N, C-alpha and C. Protein backbone atom coordinates (compact mmCIF):
# COMPACT_ATOMS: atom_id res chain seq x y z
N UNK A 1 -0.62 23.36 -0.95
CA UNK A 1 -0.83 22.05 -1.52
C UNK A 1 -1.94 22.13 -2.56
N UNK A 2 -1.71 21.47 -3.67
CA UNK A 2 -2.73 21.31 -4.70
C UNK A 2 -3.34 19.93 -4.55
N UNK A 3 -4.63 19.82 -4.76
CA UNK A 3 -5.27 18.51 -4.65
C UNK A 3 -5.76 18.05 -6.02
N UNK A 4 -5.72 16.75 -6.19
CA UNK A 4 -6.20 16.10 -7.41
C UNK A 4 -7.02 14.90 -7.01
N UNK A 5 -8.09 14.65 -7.74
CA UNK A 5 -8.94 13.49 -7.47
C UNK A 5 -8.93 12.57 -8.68
N UNK A 6 -8.84 11.28 -8.40
CA UNK A 6 -8.85 10.26 -9.45
C UNK A 6 -9.91 9.23 -9.12
N UNK A 7 -10.49 8.66 -10.15
CA UNK A 7 -11.36 7.50 -9.96
C UNK A 7 -10.85 6.39 -10.86
N UNK A 8 -10.53 5.26 -10.26
CA UNK A 8 -10.11 4.09 -11.02
C UNK A 8 -11.32 3.18 -11.24
N UNK A 9 -11.23 2.40 -12.30
CA UNK A 9 -12.35 1.56 -12.74
C UNK A 9 -11.98 0.08 -12.62
N UNK A 10 -12.98 -0.79 -12.75
CA UNK A 10 -12.73 -2.23 -12.62
C UNK A 10 -11.55 -2.70 -13.47
N UNK A 11 -10.74 -3.55 -12.85
CA UNK A 11 -9.58 -4.21 -13.45
C UNK A 11 -8.35 -3.33 -13.64
N UNK A 12 -8.43 -2.04 -13.29
CA UNK A 12 -7.22 -1.23 -13.30
C UNK A 12 -6.34 -1.66 -12.14
N UNK A 13 -5.02 -1.53 -12.32
CA UNK A 13 -4.05 -1.87 -11.30
C UNK A 13 -3.81 -0.63 -10.44
N UNK A 14 -4.08 -0.73 -9.15
CA UNK A 14 -4.01 0.43 -8.24
C UNK A 14 -2.63 1.08 -8.24
N UNK A 15 -1.58 0.31 -8.02
CA UNK A 15 -0.23 0.88 -7.95
C UNK A 15 0.21 1.41 -9.31
N UNK A 16 -0.01 0.64 -10.35
CA UNK A 16 0.40 1.05 -11.69
C UNK A 16 -0.31 2.35 -12.09
N UNK A 17 -1.59 2.46 -11.78
CA UNK A 17 -2.35 3.67 -12.13
C UNK A 17 -1.79 4.90 -11.41
N UNK A 18 -1.49 4.76 -10.12
CA UNK A 18 -0.94 5.89 -9.37
C UNK A 18 0.45 6.28 -9.89
N UNK A 19 1.29 5.29 -10.11
CA UNK A 19 2.64 5.58 -10.61
C UNK A 19 2.61 6.19 -12.01
N UNK A 20 1.71 5.69 -12.85
CA UNK A 20 1.57 6.24 -14.21
C UNK A 20 1.09 7.69 -14.15
N UNK A 21 0.12 7.97 -13.28
CA UNK A 21 -0.37 9.34 -13.13
C UNK A 21 0.78 10.26 -12.72
N UNK A 22 1.57 9.85 -11.74
CA UNK A 22 2.69 10.69 -11.28
C UNK A 22 3.68 10.95 -12.41
N UNK A 23 3.97 9.95 -13.20
CA UNK A 23 4.88 10.11 -14.33
C UNK A 23 4.31 10.99 -15.42
N UNK A 24 3.04 10.73 -15.78
CA UNK A 24 2.39 11.51 -16.84
C UNK A 24 2.26 12.98 -16.48
N UNK A 25 2.05 13.25 -15.19
CA UNK A 25 1.88 14.64 -14.73
C UNK A 25 3.21 15.28 -14.31
N UNK A 26 4.31 14.53 -14.43
CA UNK A 26 5.64 15.01 -14.00
C UNK A 26 5.61 15.52 -12.57
N UNK A 27 5.00 14.74 -11.69
CA UNK A 27 4.86 15.11 -10.29
C UNK A 27 6.20 14.99 -9.57
N UNK A 28 6.59 16.03 -8.89
CA UNK A 28 7.83 16.03 -8.11
C UNK A 28 7.63 15.45 -6.72
N UNK A 29 6.50 15.75 -6.08
CA UNK A 29 6.24 15.26 -4.73
C UNK A 29 4.73 15.29 -4.47
N UNK A 30 4.20 14.16 -4.02
CA UNK A 30 2.78 14.08 -3.69
C UNK A 30 2.57 13.04 -2.60
N UNK A 31 1.39 13.11 -1.99
CA UNK A 31 1.02 12.12 -0.98
C UNK A 31 -0.44 11.72 -1.20
N UNK A 32 -0.78 10.54 -0.73
CA UNK A 32 -2.16 10.06 -0.78
C UNK A 32 -2.89 10.64 0.43
N UNK A 33 -3.96 11.38 0.16
CA UNK A 33 -4.75 11.96 1.24
C UNK A 33 -5.85 11.01 1.69
N UNK A 34 -6.50 10.34 0.75
CA UNK A 34 -7.53 9.38 1.08
C UNK A 34 -7.79 8.47 -0.10
N UNK A 35 -8.33 7.30 0.19
CA UNK A 35 -8.72 6.36 -0.85
C UNK A 35 -9.79 5.43 -0.29
N UNK A 36 -10.86 5.28 -1.02
CA UNK A 36 -11.88 4.28 -0.71
C UNK A 36 -12.20 3.53 -1.99
N UNK A 37 -12.59 2.28 -1.85
CA UNK A 37 -12.93 1.48 -3.01
C UNK A 37 -12.82 0.01 -2.67
N UNK A 38 -12.60 -0.79 -3.70
CA UNK A 38 -12.53 -2.24 -3.47
C UNK A 38 -11.58 -2.88 -4.47
N UNK A 39 -11.05 -4.03 -4.05
CA UNK A 39 -10.14 -4.81 -4.89
C UNK A 39 -10.70 -6.22 -5.06
N UNK A 40 -10.38 -6.84 -6.19
CA UNK A 40 -10.74 -8.24 -6.42
C UNK A 40 -9.52 -9.14 -6.35
N UNK A 41 -8.36 -8.55 -6.45
CA UNK A 41 -7.09 -9.26 -6.32
C UNK A 41 -6.11 -8.32 -5.65
N UNK A 42 -5.34 -8.84 -4.70
CA UNK A 42 -4.43 -8.01 -3.92
C UNK A 42 -3.06 -8.67 -3.87
N UNK A 43 -2.02 -7.86 -4.01
CA UNK A 43 -0.64 -8.33 -3.86
C UNK A 43 0.04 -7.38 -2.87
N UNK A 44 0.46 -7.96 -1.74
CA UNK A 44 1.08 -7.18 -0.67
C UNK A 44 2.41 -7.80 -0.28
N UNK A 45 3.28 -6.96 0.24
CA UNK A 45 4.50 -7.44 0.87
C UNK A 45 4.33 -7.19 2.36
N UNK A 46 4.35 -8.26 3.15
CA UNK A 46 4.23 -8.15 4.59
C UNK A 46 5.60 -7.92 5.21
N UNK A 47 5.63 -7.27 6.35
CA UNK A 47 6.87 -6.97 7.05
C UNK A 47 7.69 -8.23 7.30
N UNK A 48 8.98 -8.13 7.04
CA UNK A 48 9.94 -9.18 7.34
C UNK A 48 9.66 -10.50 6.60
N UNK A 49 9.07 -10.40 5.41
CA UNK A 49 8.82 -11.58 4.58
C UNK A 49 9.61 -11.46 3.29
N UNK A 50 10.07 -12.59 2.78
CA UNK A 50 10.85 -12.58 1.54
C UNK A 50 9.99 -12.55 0.29
N UNK A 51 8.79 -13.08 0.37
CA UNK A 51 7.92 -13.21 -0.79
C UNK A 51 6.69 -12.32 -0.68
N UNK A 52 6.13 -11.96 -1.84
CA UNK A 52 4.86 -11.25 -1.86
C UNK A 52 3.75 -12.23 -1.51
N UNK A 53 2.64 -11.71 -1.02
CA UNK A 53 1.46 -12.51 -0.72
C UNK A 53 0.34 -12.06 -1.64
N UNK A 54 -0.27 -13.02 -2.33
CA UNK A 54 -1.40 -12.73 -3.22
C UNK A 54 -2.68 -13.17 -2.54
N UNK A 55 -3.67 -12.29 -2.55
CA UNK A 55 -4.98 -12.58 -1.96
C UNK A 55 -6.03 -12.47 -3.05
N UNK A 56 -6.80 -13.52 -3.24
CA UNK A 56 -7.91 -13.51 -4.19
C UNK A 56 -9.20 -13.30 -3.42
N UNK A 57 -10.12 -12.59 -3.98
CA UNK A 57 -11.39 -12.32 -3.33
C UNK A 57 -11.62 -10.83 -3.22
N UNK A 58 -12.82 -10.49 -2.82
CA UNK A 58 -13.22 -9.09 -2.78
C UNK A 58 -12.90 -8.49 -1.41
N UNK A 59 -12.22 -7.35 -1.45
CA UNK A 59 -11.82 -6.63 -0.24
C UNK A 59 -12.17 -5.16 -0.37
N UNK A 60 -12.62 -4.57 0.75
CA UNK A 60 -12.82 -3.12 0.81
C UNK A 60 -11.49 -2.47 1.15
N UNK A 61 -11.18 -1.37 0.48
CA UNK A 61 -10.00 -0.58 0.82
C UNK A 61 -10.36 0.25 2.05
N UNK A 62 -9.69 -0.03 3.15
CA UNK A 62 -9.91 0.70 4.40
C UNK A 62 -9.04 1.94 4.43
N UNK A 63 -7.80 1.81 3.95
CA UNK A 63 -6.92 2.98 3.87
C UNK A 63 -5.80 2.71 2.88
N UNK A 64 -5.32 3.78 2.31
CA UNK A 64 -4.13 3.77 1.46
C UNK A 64 -3.35 5.01 1.84
N UNK A 65 -2.09 4.83 2.10
CA UNK A 65 -1.23 5.96 2.45
C UNK A 65 0.06 5.82 1.67
N UNK A 66 0.73 6.92 1.42
CA UNK A 66 1.99 6.81 0.73
C UNK A 66 2.49 8.11 0.14
N UNK A 67 3.69 8.00 -0.44
CA UNK A 67 4.31 9.11 -1.14
C UNK A 67 4.57 8.69 -2.58
N UNK A 68 4.48 9.65 -3.49
CA UNK A 68 4.70 9.34 -4.89
C UNK A 68 5.29 10.53 -5.62
N UNK A 69 6.01 10.21 -6.67
CA UNK A 69 6.56 11.20 -7.58
C UNK A 69 6.92 10.48 -8.87
N UNK A 70 7.35 11.25 -9.85
CA UNK A 70 7.78 10.64 -11.11
C UNK A 70 9.03 9.79 -10.93
N UNK A 71 9.68 9.90 -9.78
CA UNK A 71 10.92 9.17 -9.50
C UNK A 71 10.71 7.89 -8.70
N UNK A 72 9.49 7.65 -8.25
CA UNK A 72 9.21 6.43 -7.50
C UNK A 72 8.13 6.66 -6.46
N UNK A 73 7.72 5.56 -5.84
CA UNK A 73 6.62 5.64 -4.89
C UNK A 73 6.81 4.65 -3.75
N UNK A 74 5.99 4.82 -2.72
CA UNK A 74 5.98 3.92 -1.56
C UNK A 74 4.59 4.02 -0.95
N UNK A 75 3.83 2.91 -1.00
CA UNK A 75 2.45 2.90 -0.51
C UNK A 75 2.24 1.76 0.47
N UNK A 76 1.37 2.00 1.45
CA UNK A 76 0.87 0.95 2.34
C UNK A 76 -0.65 0.92 2.23
N UNK A 77 -1.20 -0.29 2.25
CA UNK A 77 -2.62 -0.51 2.03
C UNK A 77 -3.20 -1.35 3.16
N UNK A 78 -4.40 -0.98 3.62
CA UNK A 78 -5.16 -1.79 4.57
C UNK A 78 -6.49 -2.17 3.92
N UNK A 79 -6.88 -3.43 4.11
CA UNK A 79 -8.09 -3.96 3.49
C UNK A 79 -8.94 -4.67 4.53
N UNK A 80 -10.24 -4.74 4.28
CA UNK A 80 -11.15 -5.53 5.11
C UNK A 80 -11.88 -6.52 4.22
N UNK A 81 -11.94 -7.78 4.69
CA UNK A 81 -12.65 -8.82 3.97
C UNK A 81 -14.12 -8.86 4.35
N UNK A 82 -14.82 -9.88 3.88
CA UNK A 82 -16.26 -9.98 4.08
C UNK A 82 -16.67 -10.13 5.54
N UNK A 83 -15.76 -10.58 6.39
CA UNK A 83 -16.05 -10.72 7.82
C UNK A 83 -15.53 -9.53 8.63
N UNK A 84 -14.97 -8.52 7.94
CA UNK A 84 -14.48 -7.33 8.62
C UNK A 84 -13.06 -7.44 9.14
N UNK A 85 -12.43 -8.58 8.94
CA UNK A 85 -11.03 -8.73 9.37
C UNK A 85 -10.15 -7.91 8.44
N UNK A 86 -9.16 -7.25 9.03
CA UNK A 86 -8.29 -6.40 8.23
C UNK A 86 -6.92 -7.04 8.04
N UNK A 87 -6.30 -6.66 6.93
CA UNK A 87 -4.95 -7.06 6.61
C UNK A 87 -4.30 -5.86 5.93
N UNK A 88 -3.01 -5.73 6.10
CA UNK A 88 -2.34 -4.60 5.48
C UNK A 88 -0.89 -4.89 5.22
N UNK A 89 -0.31 -4.11 4.33
CA UNK A 89 1.09 -4.25 4.00
C UNK A 89 1.50 -3.29 2.92
N UNK A 90 2.68 -3.56 2.37
CA UNK A 90 3.27 -2.74 1.31
C UNK A 90 2.59 -3.07 -0.01
N UNK A 91 2.00 -2.08 -0.66
CA UNK A 91 1.28 -2.26 -1.92
C UNK A 91 2.25 -2.60 -3.05
N UNK A 92 1.93 -3.66 -3.78
CA UNK A 92 2.70 -4.04 -4.97
C UNK A 92 1.80 -4.02 -6.19
N UNK A 93 2.41 -4.01 -7.36
CA UNK A 93 1.65 -4.11 -8.60
C UNK A 93 0.88 -5.42 -8.61
N UNK A 94 -0.29 -5.40 -9.24
CA UNK A 94 -1.12 -6.59 -9.30
C UNK A 94 -2.40 -6.48 -8.51
N UNK A 95 -2.60 -5.34 -7.80
CA UNK A 95 -3.84 -5.12 -7.06
C UNK A 95 -4.88 -4.58 -8.04
N UNK A 96 -5.89 -5.40 -8.32
CA UNK A 96 -6.87 -5.05 -9.35
C UNK A 96 -8.17 -4.55 -8.73
N UNK A 97 -8.66 -3.45 -9.25
CA UNK A 97 -9.88 -2.82 -8.76
C UNK A 97 -11.07 -3.73 -9.03
N UNK A 98 -11.95 -3.86 -8.02
CA UNK A 98 -13.19 -4.61 -8.17
C UNK A 98 -14.28 -3.71 -8.73
N UNK A 99 -14.73 -2.70 -7.96
CA UNK A 99 -15.76 -1.79 -8.46
C UNK A 99 -15.21 -0.40 -8.76
N UNK A 100 -14.43 0.15 -7.83
CA UNK A 100 -13.92 1.51 -7.99
C UNK A 100 -12.80 1.75 -6.99
N UNK A 101 -12.05 2.79 -7.23
CA UNK A 101 -11.16 3.37 -6.22
C UNK A 101 -11.25 4.87 -6.39
N UNK A 102 -11.68 5.54 -5.34
CA UNK A 102 -11.80 7.00 -5.33
C UNK A 102 -10.63 7.52 -4.52
N UNK A 103 -9.75 8.28 -5.17
CA UNK A 103 -8.47 8.65 -4.57
C UNK A 103 -8.30 10.17 -4.61
N UNK A 104 -7.86 10.75 -3.50
CA UNK A 104 -7.51 12.16 -3.47
C UNK A 104 -6.02 12.25 -3.14
N UNK A 105 -5.30 12.99 -3.98
CA UNK A 105 -3.85 13.15 -3.85
C UNK A 105 -3.52 14.60 -3.57
N UNK A 106 -2.49 14.82 -2.77
CA UNK A 106 -2.00 16.17 -2.50
C UNK A 106 -0.63 16.35 -3.13
N UNK A 107 -0.49 17.34 -4.00
CA UNK A 107 0.80 17.65 -4.62
C UNK A 107 1.46 18.74 -3.78
N UNK A 108 2.74 18.51 -3.46
CA UNK A 108 3.47 19.35 -2.51
C UNK A 108 4.48 20.24 -3.23
N UNK A 109 4.12 21.49 -3.50
CA UNK A 109 5.04 22.39 -4.19
C UNK A 109 6.28 22.68 -3.36
N UNK A 110 7.39 22.88 -4.04
CA UNK A 110 8.64 23.20 -3.35
C UNK A 110 9.41 21.99 -2.88
N UNK A 111 8.87 20.79 -3.12
CA UNK A 111 9.55 19.57 -2.72
C UNK A 111 9.70 18.64 -3.92
N UNK A 112 10.72 17.81 -3.86
CA UNK A 112 10.90 16.74 -4.83
C UNK A 112 11.24 15.48 -4.06
N UNK A 113 10.46 14.42 -4.30
CA UNK A 113 10.71 13.13 -3.66
C UNK A 113 11.53 12.28 -4.62
N UNK A 114 12.75 11.98 -4.24
CA UNK A 114 13.63 11.13 -5.04
C UNK A 114 13.80 9.80 -4.31
N UNK A 115 14.30 8.81 -5.00
CA UNK A 115 14.56 7.49 -4.42
C UNK A 115 16.01 7.13 -4.70
N UNK A 116 16.76 6.88 -3.64
CA UNK A 116 18.17 6.50 -3.79
C UNK A 116 18.46 5.28 -2.93
N UNK A 117 19.34 4.43 -3.44
CA UNK A 117 19.72 3.24 -2.70
C UNK A 117 20.36 3.62 -1.38
N UNK A 118 19.85 3.07 -0.30
CA UNK A 118 20.37 3.31 1.04
C UNK A 118 21.17 2.06 1.44
N UNK A 119 22.46 2.24 1.65
CA UNK A 119 23.32 1.09 1.95
C UNK A 119 22.94 0.44 3.28
N UNK A 120 22.34 1.18 4.19
CA UNK A 120 21.95 0.62 5.49
C UNK A 120 20.75 -0.31 5.37
N UNK A 121 19.81 -0.01 4.45
CA UNK A 121 18.60 -0.82 4.33
C UNK A 121 18.63 -1.75 3.12
N UNK A 122 19.41 -1.37 2.10
CA UNK A 122 19.43 -2.14 0.87
C UNK A 122 18.28 -1.83 -0.07
N UNK A 123 17.50 -0.82 0.26
CA UNK A 123 16.35 -0.41 -0.55
C UNK A 123 16.54 1.01 -1.07
N UNK A 124 15.81 1.31 -2.15
CA UNK A 124 15.74 2.70 -2.60
C UNK A 124 14.82 3.44 -1.64
N UNK A 125 15.39 4.35 -0.87
CA UNK A 125 14.64 5.07 0.16
C UNK A 125 14.40 6.52 -0.27
N UNK A 126 13.45 7.14 0.40
CA UNK A 126 13.05 8.51 0.11
C UNK A 126 14.17 9.50 0.42
N UNK A 127 14.43 10.37 -0.54
CA UNK A 127 15.31 11.52 -0.35
C UNK A 127 14.47 12.75 -0.67
N UNK A 128 14.35 13.67 0.28
CA UNK A 128 13.53 14.85 0.10
C UNK A 128 14.42 16.01 -0.30
N UNK A 129 14.11 16.59 -1.44
CA UNK A 129 14.88 17.73 -1.97
C UNK A 129 13.95 18.94 -1.96
N UNK A 130 14.41 19.99 -1.29
CA UNK A 130 13.64 21.24 -1.31
C UNK A 130 14.06 22.06 -2.50
N UNK A 131 13.07 22.65 -3.17
CA UNK A 131 13.36 23.46 -4.34
C UNK A 131 12.56 24.75 -4.27
N UNK A 132 12.92 25.67 -5.14
CA UNK A 132 12.20 26.96 -5.18
C UNK A 132 11.03 26.91 -6.15
N UNK A 133 10.76 25.71 -6.71
CA UNK A 133 9.66 25.57 -7.66
C UNK A 133 10.02 25.96 -9.06
N UNK A 134 11.28 26.32 -9.32
CA UNK A 134 11.70 26.75 -10.64
C UNK A 134 12.23 25.61 -11.50
N UNK A 135 12.27 24.37 -10.97
CA UNK A 135 12.79 23.23 -11.73
C UNK A 135 11.91 22.89 -12.90
C-alpha cells in the first residue's frame, strides 16, 4: 500500500476534494485511513431516508471512512457537535471545511474499484477488479 496525506483548507468541500484528487491522480483503488478536522456545514444522507440532511454549525470530524477511485467513491462520516453528541451518515457534496481536514489515504496496488448499477439495490455499487498493475 502507498500512503498519501492531504490537508484541506477552510471552505473546501470535503467530498469534492477527495473525488477530485482521485480523478487527478488517476487512482484505481484507495481507502481513507484517517481524517481529523472540522466542518462548518455538513450534508449527510441518513439510513433509510429519502432526503439529504443539512447541518449548519461547527462540528469536529470524529471519523471518515470510505473507498475511492477515479470511477467513484463511497464515504461515511461521523461528527461531534459542541456538546459532544455524535451524528453520522453517508457523506454528500456540500460539506465545507471550517478550519482544516487532515487526511491520510491508502492506495491499493493491484486493485481497481469500479461502480456499477446493482439491480438488487438500485445503486451504483462497488465492483472490485484485480489487476496485475499493468493497466
